[in-house]
Structures are given as C-alpha cells and as structure tokens.
Amino acid sequence: VQLQASGGGLVQAGGSLRLSCAGSGISFRGKNMVWYRQAPGKERESVAAIYSGGAKEYRDSVKDRFFISRDSAKNMMFLQMDGLKPEDSGIYYCHVGSVWGRGTLVTVSS
C-alpha cells in the first residue's frame, strides 16, 4: 500500500500549483481523503478534504483558492492551488482512509 504526492515546487506568490496523489495497492472508492500540510516548526494541519459521499471541506485560510478533487477509478486525488501565498509553504501530504502518503514540498516566495 502506497500513496505518493507530487506536483510541489517553487512558485511566486500569486501563482498556482496542482498537486496529485496517486495510490497503489489501495482503493480510493468509498474513502475519505484529506490533504494536509506541515510548515517548518508547526504542526501538521488539514487543508482540504473530500468525503466518501462527495462533500468537500476547506480550511478557512484556503477557501476559494484551493480546490480538491478526486478520480476514484484511477486512485487519484488532486489539489488545485491558486493565489498561493508564502504562508501556504510547507510539505503537503495526502491521506486516504488510514494511509499517509509521502509528502511533496511547496515553497511560495514573496
């Protein structure tokens, strides 16, 4: 069972990135999926979630800038991040069911 996040990188403030989470050995169907992030010296926090029934939830600070989606048939989850801010920097992790993926680093320069 493995989850791998990708799509991170260095971007200027105001820019966009699209993160992907690919699963192997795990089915995404019927599972809650969450993107988390962790900035240096800070605790890991949830950013966006998409629940098994399709409902979505976002952290207040990313509402209307970040958009979560999934393709359960392909065992993929995505996070479209627009209007990035320096405070969005950190390692982003995907979490599906009870499985954590490896993170991808997002750095937003001012």
PDB file of N, CA and C in Angstrom:
ATOM      1  N   VAL A   1       0.852  -1.192   0.000  1.00  0.00           N
ATOM      2  CA  VAL A   1       0.000   0.000   0.000  1.00  0.00           C
ATOM      3  C   VAL A   1       0.887   1.241   0.000  1.00  0.00           C
ATOM      4  N   GLN A   2       0.619   2.116  -0.940  1.00  0.00           N
ATOM      5  CA  GLN A   2       1.466   3.296  -1.053  1.00  0.00           C
ATOM      6  C   GLN A   2       0.679   4.454  -1.632  1.00  0.00           C
ATOM      7  N   LEU A   3       0.935   5.635  -1.055  1.00  0.00           N
ATOM      8  CA  LEU A   3       0.417   6.870  -1.604  1.00  0.00           C
ATOM      9  C   LEU A   3       1.593   7.771  -1.904  1.00  0.00           C
ATOM     10  N   GLN A   4       1.547   8.422  -3.023  1.00  0.00           N
ATOM     11  CA  GLN A   4       2.644   9.313  -3.396  1.00  0.00           C
ATOM     12  C   GLN A   4       2.073  10.645  -3.861  1.00  0.00           C
ATOM     13  N   ALA A   5       2.448  11.692  -3.138  1.00  0.00           N
ATOM     14  CA  ALA A   5       2.060  13.035  -3.543  1.00  0.00           C
ATOM     15  C   ALA A   5       3.125  13.605  -4.468  1.00  0.00           C
ATOM     16  N   SER A   6       2.695  14.389  -5.437  1.00  0.00           N
ATOM     17  CA  SER A   6       3.619  15.030  -6.362  1.00  0.00           C
ATOM     18  C   SER A   6       3.031  16.347  -6.824  1.00  0.00           C
ATOM     19  N   GLY A   7       3.860  17.128  -7.495  1.00  0.00           N
ATOM     20  CA  GLY A   7       3.394  18.391  -8.051  1.00  0.00           C
ATOM     21  C   GLY A   7       3.859  19.618  -7.308  1.00  0.00           C
ATOM     22  N   GLY A   8       4.561  19.415  -6.214  1.00  0.00           N
ATOM     23  CA  GLY A   8       5.075  20.553  -5.468  1.00  0.00           C
ATOM     24  C   GLY A   8       6.199  21.241  -6.209  1.00  0.00           C
ATOM     25  N   GLY A   9       6.611  22.375  -5.678  1.00  0.00           N
ATOM     26  CA  GLY A   9       7.701  23.107  -6.294  1.00  0.00           C
ATOM     27  C   GLY A   9       7.806  24.502  -5.741  1.00  0.00           C
ATOM     28  N   LEU A  10       8.599  25.302  -6.407  1.00  0.00           N
ATOM     29  CA  LEU A  10       8.805  26.693  -6.018  1.00  0.00           C
ATOM     30  C   LEU A  10       7.983  27.584  -6.933  1.00  0.00           C
ATOM     31  N   VAL A  11       7.197  28.453  -6.338  1.00  0.00           N
ATOM     32  CA  VAL A  11       6.342  29.341  -7.123  1.00  0.00           C
ATOM     33  C   VAL A  11       6.285  30.700  -6.445  1.00  0.00           C
ATOM     34  N   GLN A  12       6.102  31.720  -7.229  1.00  0.00           N
ATOM     35  CA  GLN A  12       5.964  33.064  -6.665  1.00  0.00           C
ATOM     36  C   GLN A  12       4.570  33.269  -6.103  1.00  0.00           C
ATOM     37  N   ALA A  13       4.476  34.161  -5.159  1.00  0.00           N
ATOM     38  CA  ALA A  13       3.175  34.492  -4.590  1.00  0.00           C
ATOM     39  C   ALA A  13       2.213  34.887  -5.701  1.00  0.00           C
ATOM     40  N   GLY A  14       1.001  34.383  -5.585  1.00  0.00           N
ATOM     41  CA  GLY A  14       0.001  34.622  -6.611  1.00  0.00           C
ATOM     42  C   GLY A  14      -0.059  33.534  -7.668  1.00  0.00           C
ATOM     43  N   GLY A  15       0.916  32.666  -7.667  1.00  0.00           N
ATOM     44  CA  GLY A  15       0.974  31.595  -8.650  1.00  0.00           C
ATOM     45  C   GLY A  15       0.104  30.407  -8.287  1.00  0.00           C
ATOM     46  N   SER A  16       0.205  29.381  -9.108  1.00  0.00           N
ATOM     47  CA  SER A  16      -0.625  28.186  -8.940  1.00  0.00           C
ATOM     48  C   SER A  16       0.222  26.925  -9.014  1.00  0.00           C
ATOM     49  N   LEU A  17      -0.263  25.916  -8.330  1.00  0.00           N
ATOM     50  CA  LEU A  17       0.298  24.571  -8.421  1.00  0.00           C
ATOM     51  C   LEU A  17      -0.858  23.580  -8.362  1.00  0.00           C
ATOM     52  N   ARG A  18      -0.641  22.431  -8.962  1.00  0.00           N
ATOM     53  CA  ARG A  18      -1.626  21.348  -8.884  1.00  0.00           C
ATOM     54  C   ARG A  18      -0.938  20.128  -8.311  1.00  0.00           C
ATOM     55  N   LEU A  19      -1.372  19.719  -7.149  1.00  0.00           N
ATOM     56  CA  LEU A  19      -0.816  18.538  -6.503  1.00  0.00           C
ATOM     57  C   LEU A  19      -1.622  17.311  -6.897  1.00  0.00           C
ATOM     58  N   SER A  20      -0.933  16.204  -6.991  1.00  0.00           N
ATOM     59  CA  SER A  20      -1.575  14.930  -7.275  1.00  0.00           C
ATOM     60  C   SER A  20      -1.196  13.930  -6.197  1.00  0.00           C
ATOM     61  N   CYS A  21      -2.098  13.020  -5.940  1.00  0.00           N
ATOM     62  CA  CYS A  21      -1.833  11.926  -5.006  1.00  0.00           C
ATOM     63  C   CYS A  21      -2.234  10.645  -5.713  1.00  0.00           C
ATOM     64  N   ALA A  22      -1.275   9.772  -5.891  1.00  0.00           N
ATOM     65  CA  ALA A  22      -1.531   8.515  -6.590  1.00  0.00           C
ATOM     66  C   ALA A  22      -1.432   7.362  -5.602  1.00  0.00           C
ATOM     67  N   GLY A  23      -2.375   6.463  -5.686  1.00  0.00           N
ATOM     68  CA  GLY A  23      -2.376   5.319  -4.791  1.00  0.00           C
ATOM     69  C   GLY A  23      -2.074   4.032  -5.511  1.00  0.00           C
ATOM     70  N   SER A  24      -1.357   3.152  -4.848  1.00  0.00           N
ATOM     71  CA  SER A  24      -1.131   1.805  -5.356  1.00  0.00           C
ATOM     72  C   SER A  24      -1.367   0.828  -4.217  1.00  0.00           C
ATOM     73  N   GLY A  25      -2.060  -0.253  -4.535  1.00  0.00           N
ATOM     74  CA  GLY A  25      -2.371  -1.220  -3.504  1.00  0.00           C
ATOM     75  C   GLY A  25      -3.478  -0.786  -2.571  1.00  0.00           C
ATOM     76  N   ILE A  26      -4.170   0.260  -2.956  1.00  0.00           N
ATOM     77  CA  ILE A  26      -5.266   0.776  -2.143  1.00  0.00           C
ATOM     78  C   ILE A  26      -6.354   1.293  -3.074  1.00  0.00           C
ATOM     79  N   SER A  27      -7.582   1.045  -2.719  1.00  0.00           N
ATOM     80  CA  SER A  27      -8.694   1.579  -3.491  1.00  0.00           C
ATOM     81  C   SER A  27      -9.187   2.862  -2.839  1.00  0.00           C
ATOM     82  N   PHE A  28      -9.415   3.873  -3.653  1.00  0.00           N
ATOM     83  CA  PHE A  28      -9.902   5.150  -3.151  1.00  0.00           C
ATOM     84  C   PHE A  28     -11.429   5.159  -3.000  1.00  0.00           C
ATOM     85  N   ARG A  29     -12.066   4.172  -3.554  1.00  0.00           N
ATOM     86  CA  ARG A  29     -13.526   4.164  -3.535  1.00  0.00           C
ATOM     87  C   ARG A  29     -14.059   4.076  -2.111  1.00  0.00           C
ATOM     88  N   GLY A  30     -14.995   4.936  -1.805  1.00  0.00           N
ATOM     89  CA  GLY A  30     -15.660   4.890  -0.510  1.00  0.00           C
ATOM     90  C   GLY A  30     -14.837   5.408   0.655  1.00  0.00           C
ATOM     91  N   LYS A  31     -13.750   6.064   0.374  1.00  0.00           N
ATOM     92  CA  LYS A  31     -12.881   6.536   1.451  1.00  0.00           C
ATOM     93  C   LYS A  31     -12.867   8.060   1.536  1.00  0.00           C
ATOM     94  N   ASN A  32     -12.690   8.532   2.729  1.00  0.00           N
ATOM     95  CA  ASN A  32     -12.456   9.956   2.926  1.00  0.00           C
ATOM     96  C   ASN A  32     -11.009  10.262   2.573  1.00  0.00           C
ATOM     97  N   MET A  33     -10.804  11.427   1.951  1.00  0.00           N
ATOM     98  CA  MET A  33      -9.456  11.795   1.516  1.00  0.00           C
ATOM     99  C   MET A  33      -9.163  13.217   1.959  1.00  0.00           C
ATOM    100  N   VAL A  34      -7.969  13.412   2.450  1.00  0.00           N
ATOM    101  CA  VAL A  34      -7.604  14.708   3.013  1.00  0.00           C
ATOM    102  C   VAL A  34      -6.205  15.103   2.556  1.00  0.00           C
ATOM    103  N   TRP A  35      -6.040  16.363   2.262  1.00  0.00           N
ATOM    104  CA  TRP A  35      -4.716  16.952   2.070  1.00  0.00           C
ATOM    105  C   TRP A  35      -4.336  17.668   3.360  1.00  0.00           C
ATOM    106  N   TYR A  36      -3.128  17.396   3.831  1.00  0.00           N
ATOM    107  CA  TYR A  36      -2.567  18.070   4.991  1.00  0.00           C
ATOM    108  C   TYR A  36      -1.308  18.823   4.556  1.00  0.00           C
ATOM    109  N   ARG A  37      -0.891  19.722   5.383  1.00  0.00           N
ATOM    110  CA  ARG A  37       0.392  20.371   5.159  1.00  0.00           C
ATOM    111  C   ARG A  37       1.066  20.614   6.506  1.00  0.00           C
ATOM    112  N   GLN A  38       2.384  20.705   6.427  1.00  0.00           N
ATOM    113  CA  GLN A  38       3.161  20.978   7.627  1.00  0.00           C
ATOM    114  C   GLN A  38       4.271  21.949   7.281  1.00  0.00           C
ATOM    115  N   ALA A  39       4.229  23.099   7.912  1.00  0.00           N
ATOM    116  CA  ALA A  39       5.266  24.106   7.739  1.00  0.00           C
ATOM    117  C   ALA A  39       6.351  23.869   8.778  1.00  0.00           C
ATOM    118  N   PRO A  40       7.567  24.311   8.509  1.00  0.00           N
ATOM    119  CA  PRO A  40       8.658  24.127   9.475  1.00  0.00           C
ATOM    120  C   PRO A  40       8.302  24.698  10.840  1.00  0.00           C
ATOM    121  N   GLY A  41       8.485  23.875  11.862  1.00  0.00           N
ATOM    122  CA  GLY A  41       8.223  24.328  13.218  1.00  0.00           C
ATOM    123  C   GLY A  41       6.764  24.366  13.609  1.00  0.00           C
ATOM    124  N   LYS A  42       5.910  23.918  12.717  1.00  0.00           N
ATOM    125  CA  LYS A  42       4.476  23.944  13.015  1.00  0.00           C
ATOM    126  C   LYS A  42       3.897  22.546  12.944  1.00  0.00           C
ATOM    127  N   GLU A  43       2.731  22.406  13.520  1.00  0.00           N
ATOM    128  CA  GLU A  43       2.062  21.116  13.487  1.00  0.00           C
ATOM    129  C   GLU A  43       1.397  20.886  12.126  1.00  0.00           C
ATOM    130  N   ARG A  44       1.210  19.626  11.817  1.00  0.00           N
ATOM    131  CA  ARG A  44       0.516  19.281  10.582  1.00  0.00           C
ATOM    132  C   ARG A  44      -0.944  19.721  10.706  1.00  0.00           C
ATOM    133  N   GLU A  45      -1.465  20.293   9.637  1.00  0.00           N
ATOM    134  CA  GLU A  45      -2.843  20.766   9.653  1.00  0.00           C
ATOM    135  C   GLU A  45      -3.562  20.315   8.390  1.00  0.00           C
ATOM    136  N   SER A  46      -4.850  20.102   8.543  1.00  0.00           N
ATOM    137  CA  SER A  46      -5.637  19.731   7.370  1.00  0.00           C
ATOM    138  C   SER A  46      -5.879  20.961   6.514  1.00  0.00           C
ATOM    139  N   VAL A  47      -5.904  20.749   5.227  1.00  0.00           N
ATOM    140  CA  VAL A  47      -6.088  21.833   4.274  1.00  0.00           C
ATOM    141  C   VAL A  47      -7.414  21.690   3.531  1.00  0.00           C
ATOM    142  N   ALA A  48      -7.658  20.491   3.049  1.00  0.00           N
ATOM    143  CA  ALA A  48      -8.875  20.253   2.286  1.00  0.00           C
ATOM    144  C   ALA A  48      -9.231  18.781   2.380  1.00  0.00           C
ATOM    145  N   ALA A  49     -10.511  18.518   2.396  1.00  0.00           N
ATOM    146  CA  ALA A  49     -10.987  17.140   2.497  1.00  0.00           C
ATOM    147  C   ALA A  49     -12.110  16.914   1.502  1.00  0.00           C
ATOM    148  N   ILE A  50     -12.163  15.702   1.004  1.00  0.00           N
ATOM    149  CA  ILE A  50     -13.293  15.271   0.183  1.00  0.00           C
ATOM    150  C   ILE A  50     -13.755  13.946   0.760  1.00  0.00           C
ATOM    151  N   TYR A  51     -15.008  13.921   1.145  1.00  0.00           N
ATOM    152  CA  TYR A  51     -15.530  12.776   1.856  1.00  0.00           C
ATOM    153  C   TYR A  51     -16.112  11.756   0.892  1.00  0.00           C
ATOM    154  N   SER A  52     -16.340  10.568   1.410  1.00  0.00           N
ATOM    155  CA  SER A  52     -16.774   9.475   0.554  1.00  0.00           C
ATOM    156  C   SER A  52     -18.085   9.799  -0.158  1.00  0.00           C
ATOM    157  N   GLY A  53     -18.925  10.611   0.469  1.00  0.00           N
ATOM    158  CA  GLY A  53     -20.197  10.980  -0.145  1.00  0.00           C
ATOM    159  C   GLY A  53     -20.091  12.122  -1.127  1.00  0.00           C
ATOM    160  N   GLY A  54     -18.898  12.700  -1.231  1.00  0.00           N
ATOM    161  CA  GLY A  54     -18.673  13.775  -2.188  1.00  0.00           C
ATOM    162  C   GLY A  54     -18.580  15.162  -1.587  1.00  0.00           C
ATOM    163  N   ALA A  55     -18.952  15.320  -0.328  1.00  0.00           N
ATOM    164  CA  ALA A  55     -18.862  16.639   0.288  1.00  0.00           C
ATOM    165  C   ALA A  55     -17.405  17.055   0.414  1.00  0.00           C
ATOM    166  N   LYS A  56     -17.188  18.363   0.332  1.00  0.00           N
ATOM    167  CA  LYS A  56     -15.837  18.900   0.421  1.00  0.00           C
ATOM    168  C   LYS A  56     -15.763  19.905   1.564  1.00  0.00           C
ATOM    169  N   GLU A  57     -14.594  20.010   2.142  1.00  0.00           N
ATOM    170  CA  GLU A  57     -14.384  20.927   3.254  1.00  0.00           C
ATOM    171  C   GLU A  57     -12.993  21.531   3.115  1.00  0.00           C
ATOM    172  N   TYR A  58     -12.901  22.812   3.430  1.00  0.00           N
ATOM    173  CA  TYR A  58     -11.633  23.518   3.282  1.00  0.00           C
ATOM    174  C   TYR A  58     -11.300  24.288   4.554  1.00  0.00           C
ATOM    175  N   ARG A  59     -10.020  24.403   4.789  1.00  0.00           N
ATOM    176  CA  ARG A  59      -9.547  25.274   5.855  1.00  0.00           C
ATOM    177  C   ARG A  59      -9.909  26.703   5.461  1.00  0.00           C
ATOM    178  N   ASP A  60     -10.303  27.505   6.431  1.00  0.00           N
ATOM    179  CA  ASP A  60     -10.749  28.868   6.126  1.00  0.00           C
ATOM    180  C   ASP A  60      -9.718  29.646   5.318  1.00  0.00           C
ATOM    181  N   SER A  61      -8.462  29.458   5.636  1.00  0.00           N
ATOM    182  CA  SER A  61      -7.418  30.264   5.002  1.00  0.00           C
ATOM    183  C   SER A  61      -7.194  29.924   3.535  1.00  0.00           C
ATOM    184  N   VAL A  62      -7.751  28.802   3.073  1.00  0.00           N
ATOM    185  CA  VAL A  62      -7.544  28.420   1.673  1.00  0.00           C
ATOM    186  C   VAL A  62      -8.840  28.424   0.874  1.00  0.00           C
ATOM    187  N   LYS A  63      -9.946  28.743   1.510  1.00  0.00           N
ATOM    188  CA  LYS A  63     -11.223  28.755   0.802  1.00  0.00           C
ATOM    189  C   LYS A  63     -11.172  29.702  -0.388  1.00  0.00           C
ATOM    190  N   ASP A  64     -11.766  29.244  -1.470  1.00  0.00           N
ATOM    191  CA  ASP A  64     -11.848  29.991  -2.727  1.00  0.00           C
ATOM    192  C   ASP A  64     -10.496  30.135  -3.423  1.00  0.00           C
ATOM    193  N   ARG A  65      -9.471  29.498  -2.891  1.00  0.00           N
ATOM    194  CA  ARG A  65      -8.167  29.475  -3.567  1.00  0.00           C
ATOM    195  C   ARG A  65      -7.739  28.047  -3.894  1.00  0.00           C
ATOM    196  N   PHE A  66      -8.081  27.109  -3.018  1.00  0.00           N
ATOM    197  CA  PHE A  66      -7.711  25.708  -3.198  1.00  0.00           C
ATOM    198  C   PHE A  66      -8.958  24.908  -3.548  1.00  0.00           C
ATOM    199  N   PHE A  67      -8.766  23.895  -4.396  1.00  0.00           N
ATOM    200  CA  PHE A  67      -9.903  23.084  -4.817  1.00  0.00           C
ATOM    201  C   PHE A  67      -9.467  21.624  -4.858  1.00  0.00           C
ATOM    202  N   ILE A  68     -10.187  20.802  -4.114  1.00  0.00           N
ATOM    203  CA  ILE A  68      -9.862  19.385  -4.031  1.00  0.00           C
ATOM    204  C   ILE A  68     -10.759  18.601  -4.978  1.00  0.00           C
ATOM    205  N   SER A  69     -10.192  17.577  -5.581  1.00  0.00           N
ATOM    206  CA  SER A  69     -10.977  16.711  -6.458  1.00  0.00           C
ATOM    207  C   SER A  69     -10.385  15.314  -6.414  1.00  0.00           C
ATOM    208  N   ARG A  70     -11.095  14.384  -6.991  1.00  0.00           N
ATOM    209  CA  ARG A  70     -10.624  13.003  -6.971  1.00  0.00           C
ATOM    210  C   ARG A  70     -11.065  12.296  -8.247  1.00  0.00           C
ATOM    211  N   ASP A  71     -10.358  11.246  -8.546  1.00  0.00           N
ATOM    212  CA  ASP A  71     -10.755  10.304  -9.595  1.00  0.00           C
ATOM    213  C   ASP A  71     -10.580   8.924  -8.970  1.00  0.00           C
ATOM    214  N   SER A  72     -11.628   8.475  -8.320  1.00  0.00           N
ATOM    215  CA  SER A  72     -11.527   7.219  -7.575  1.00  0.00           C
ATOM    216  C   SER A  72     -11.226   6.042  -8.489  1.00  0.00           C
ATOM    217  N   ALA A  73     -11.723   6.091  -9.696  1.00  0.00           N
ATOM    218  CA  ALA A  73     -11.493   4.984 -10.627  1.00  0.00           C
ATOM    219  C   ALA A  73     -10.006   4.830 -10.937  1.00  0.00           C
ATOM    220  N   LYS A  74      -9.285   5.941 -10.902  1.00  0.00           N
ATOM    221  CA  LYS A  74      -7.853   5.906 -11.186  1.00  0.00           C
ATOM    222  C   LYS A  74      -7.011   5.978  -9.918  1.00  0.00           C
ATOM    223  N   ASN A  75      -7.684   5.936  -8.764  1.00  0.00           N
ATOM    224  CA  ASN A  75      -6.970   6.046  -7.476  1.00  0.00           C
ATOM    225  C   ASN A  75      -6.102   7.297  -7.434  1.00  0.00           C
ATOM    226  N   MET A  76      -6.728   8.425  -7.771  1.00  0.00           N
ATOM    227  CA  MET A  76      -6.013   9.694  -7.792  1.00  0.00           C
ATOM    228  C   MET A  76      -6.799  10.752  -7.022  1.00  0.00           C
ATOM    229  N   MET A  77      -6.083  11.654  -6.405  1.00  0.00           N
ATOM    230  CA  MET A  77      -6.672  12.797  -5.735  1.00  0.00           C
ATOM    231  C   MET A  77      -5.834  14.006  -6.131  1.00  0.00           C
ATOM    232  N   PHE A  78      -6.497  15.160  -6.180  1.00  0.00           N
ATOM    233  CA  PHE A  78      -5.809  16.354  -6.652  1.00  0.00           C
ATOM    234  C   PHE A  78      -6.092  17.537  -5.725  1.00  0.00           C
ATOM    235  N   LEU A  79      -5.188  18.486  -5.757  1.00  0.00           N
ATOM    236  CA  LEU A  79      -5.407  19.743  -5.062  1.00  0.00           C
ATOM    237  C   LEU A  79      -4.924  20.863  -5.974  1.00  0.00           C
ATOM    238  N   GLN A  80      -5.866  21.613  -6.505  1.00  0.00           N
ATOM    239  CA  GLN A  80      -5.540  22.779  -7.306  1.00  0.00           C
ATOM    240  C   GLN A  80      -5.362  23.953  -6.365  1.00  0.00           C
ATOM    241  N   MET A  81      -4.207  24.571  -6.417  1.00  0.00           N
ATOM    242  CA  MET A  81      -3.903  25.671  -5.511  1.00  0.00           C
ATOM    243  C   MET A  81      -3.645  26.927  -6.326  1.00  0.00           C
ATOM    244  N   ASP A  82      -4.516  27.886  -6.188  1.00  0.00           N
ATOM    245  CA  ASP A  82      -4.394  29.159  -6.888  1.00  0.00           C
ATOM    246  C   ASP A  82      -4.158  30.285  -5.888  1.00  0.00           C
ATOM    247  N   GLY A  83      -3.663  31.393  -6.377  1.00  0.00           N
ATOM    248  CA  GLY A  83      -3.439  32.528  -5.492  1.00  0.00           C
ATOM    249  C   GLY A  83      -2.558  32.192  -4.304  1.00  0.00           C
ATOM    250  N   LEU A  84      -1.496  31.453  -4.562  1.00  0.00           N
ATOM    251  CA  LEU A  84      -0.651  30.978  -3.467  1.00  0.00           C
ATOM    252  C   LEU A  84      -0.005  32.120  -2.708  1.00  0.00           C
ATOM    253  N   LYS A  85       0.136  31.903  -1.416  1.00  0.00           N
ATOM    254  CA  LYS A  85       0.740  32.876  -0.510  1.00  0.00           C
ATOM    255  C   LYS A  85       1.938  32.236   0.184  1.00  0.00           C
ATOM    256  N   PRO A  86       2.879  33.035   0.638  1.00  0.00           N
ATOM    257  CA  PRO A  86       4.034  32.458   1.335  1.00  0.00           C
ATOM    258  C   PRO A  86       3.633  31.567   2.510  1.00  0.00           C
ATOM    259  N   GLU A  87       2.551  31.908   3.175  1.00  0.00           N
ATOM    260  CA  GLU A  87       2.112  31.103   4.315  1.00  0.00           C
ATOM    261  C   GLU A  87       1.526  29.755   3.904  1.00  0.00           C
ATOM    262  N   ASP A  88       1.383  29.520   2.610  1.00  0.00           N
ATOM    263  CA  ASP A  88       0.954  28.211   2.123  1.00  0.00           C
ATOM    264  C   ASP A  88       2.132  27.246   1.999  1.00  0.00           C
ATOM    265  N   SER A  89       3.325  27.730   2.202  1.00  0.00           N
ATOM    266  CA  SER A  89       4.513  26.885   2.057  1.00  0.00           C
ATOM    267  C   SER A  89       4.519  25.771   3.084  1.00  0.00           C
ATOM    268  N   GLY A  90       5.054  24.633   2.688  1.00  0.00           N
ATOM    269  CA  GLY A  90       5.168  23.506   3.590  1.00  0.00           C
ATOM    270  C   GLY A  90       5.210  22.209   2.808  1.00  0.00           C
ATOM    271  N   ILE A  91       5.267  21.137   3.551  1.00  0.00           N
ATOM    272  CA  ILE A  91       5.192  19.820   2.917  1.00  0.00           C
ATOM    273  C   ILE A  91       3.731  19.401   2.917  1.00  0.00           C
ATOM    274  N   TYR A  92       3.246  19.036   1.775  1.00  0.00           N
ATOM    275  CA  TYR A  92       1.857  18.623   1.615  1.00  0.00           C
ATOM    276  C   TYR A  92       1.775  17.109   1.538  1.00  0.00           C
ATOM    277  N   TYR A  93       0.872  16.569   2.323  1.00  0.00           N
ATOM    278  CA  TYR A  93       0.675  15.128   2.398  1.00  0.00           C
ATOM    279  C   TYR A  93      -0.760  14.781   2.019  1.00  0.00           C
ATOM    280  N   CYS A  94      -0.916  13.639   1.384  1.00  0.00           N
ATOM    281  CA  CYS A  94      -2.269  13.142   1.163  1.00  0.00           C
ATOM    282  C   CYS A  94      -2.541  12.009   2.147  1.00  0.00           C
ATOM    283  N   HIS A  95      -3.784  11.894   2.504  1.00  0.00           N
ATOM    284  CA  HIS A  95      -4.230  10.898   3.479  1.00  0.00           C
ATOM    285  C   HIS A  95      -5.527  10.311   2.949  1.00  0.00           C
ATOM    286  N   VAL A  96      -5.513   9.012   2.743  1.00  0.00           N
ATOM    287  CA  VAL A  96      -6.680   8.328   2.196  1.00  0.00           C
ATOM    288  C   VAL A  96      -7.049   7.184   3.131  1.00  0.00           C
ATOM    289  N   GLY A  97      -8.267   7.240   3.664  1.00  0.00           N
ATOM    290  CA  GLY A  97      -8.653   6.235   4.640  1.00  0.00           C
ATOM    291  C   GLY A  97      -7.770   6.380   5.865  1.00  0.00           C
ATOM    292  N   SER A  98      -6.901   5.393   6.088  1.00  0.00           N
ATOM    293  CA  SER A  98      -5.969   5.453   7.215  1.00  0.00           C
ATOM    294  C   SER A  98      -4.517   5.466   6.750  1.00  0.00           C
ATOM    295  N   VAL A  99      -4.318   5.715   5.466  1.00  0.00           N
ATOM    296  CA  VAL A  99      -2.979   5.648   4.886  1.00  0.00           C
ATOM    297  C   VAL A  99      -2.428   7.040   4.612  1.00  0.00           C
ATOM    298  N   TRP A 100      -1.189   7.247   5.034  1.00  0.00           N
ATOM    299  CA  TRP A 100      -0.480   8.506   4.752  1.00  0.00           C
ATOM    300  C   TRP A 100       0.442   8.324   3.553  1.00  0.00           C
ATOM    301  N   GLY A 101       0.498   9.359   2.749  1.00  0.00           N
ATOM    302  CA  GLY A 101       1.418   9.329   1.634  1.00  0.00           C
ATOM    303  C   GLY A 101       2.680  10.109   1.937  1.00  0.00           C
ATOM    304  N   ARG A 102       3.665   9.905   1.095  1.00  0.00           N
ATOM    305  CA  ARG A 102       4.860  10.730   1.164  1.00  0.00           C
ATOM    306  C   ARG A 102       4.504  12.138   0.720  1.00  0.00           C
ATOM    307  N   GLY A 103       5.154  13.094   1.288  1.00  0.00           N
ATOM    308  CA  GLY A 103       4.801  14.481   1.026  1.00  0.00           C
ATOM    309  C   GLY A 103       5.486  15.051  -0.195  1.00  0.00           C
ATOM    310  N   THR A 104       4.999  16.216  -0.584  1.00  0.00           N
ATOM    311  CA  THR A 104       5.616  16.990  -1.652  1.00  0.00           C
ATOM    312  C   THR A 104       5.773  18.419  -1.151  1.00  0.00           C
ATOM    313  N   LEU A 105       6.930  18.997  -1.407  1.00  0.00           N
ATOM    314  CA  LEU A 105       7.258  20.302  -0.855  1.00  0.00           C
ATOM    315  C   LEU A 105       6.732  21.423  -1.734  1.00  0.00           C
ATOM    316  N   VAL A 106       6.054  22.354  -1.104  1.00  0.00           N
ATOM    317  CA  VAL A 106       5.563  23.560  -1.770  1.00  0.00           C
ATOM    318  C   VAL A 106       6.247  24.763  -1.127  1.00  0.00           C
ATOM    319  N   THR A 107       6.881  25.565  -1.950  1.00  0.00           N
ATOM    320  CA  THR A 107       7.540  26.770  -1.464  1.00  0.00           C
ATOM    321  C   THR A 107       7.015  27.961  -2.251  1.00  0.00           C
ATOM    322  N   VAL A 108       6.466  28.912  -1.536  1.00  0.00           N
ATOM    323  CA  VAL A 108       5.914  30.102  -2.180  1.00  0.00           C
ATOM    324  C   VAL A 108       6.766  31.299  -1.775  1.00  0.00           C
ATOM    325  N   SER A 109       7.370  31.912  -2.749  1.00  0.00           N
ATOM    326  CA  SER A 109       8.231  33.065  -2.465  1.00  0.00           C
ATOM    327  C   SER A 109       7.431  34.359  -2.557  1.00  0.00           C
ATOM    328  N   SER A 110       7.847  35.305  -1.733  1.00  0.00           N
ATOM    329  CA  SER A 110       7.125  36.588  -1.711  1.00  0.00           C
ATOM    330  C   SER A 110       7.666  37.552  -2.745  1.00  0.00           C
TER     331      SER A 110
END
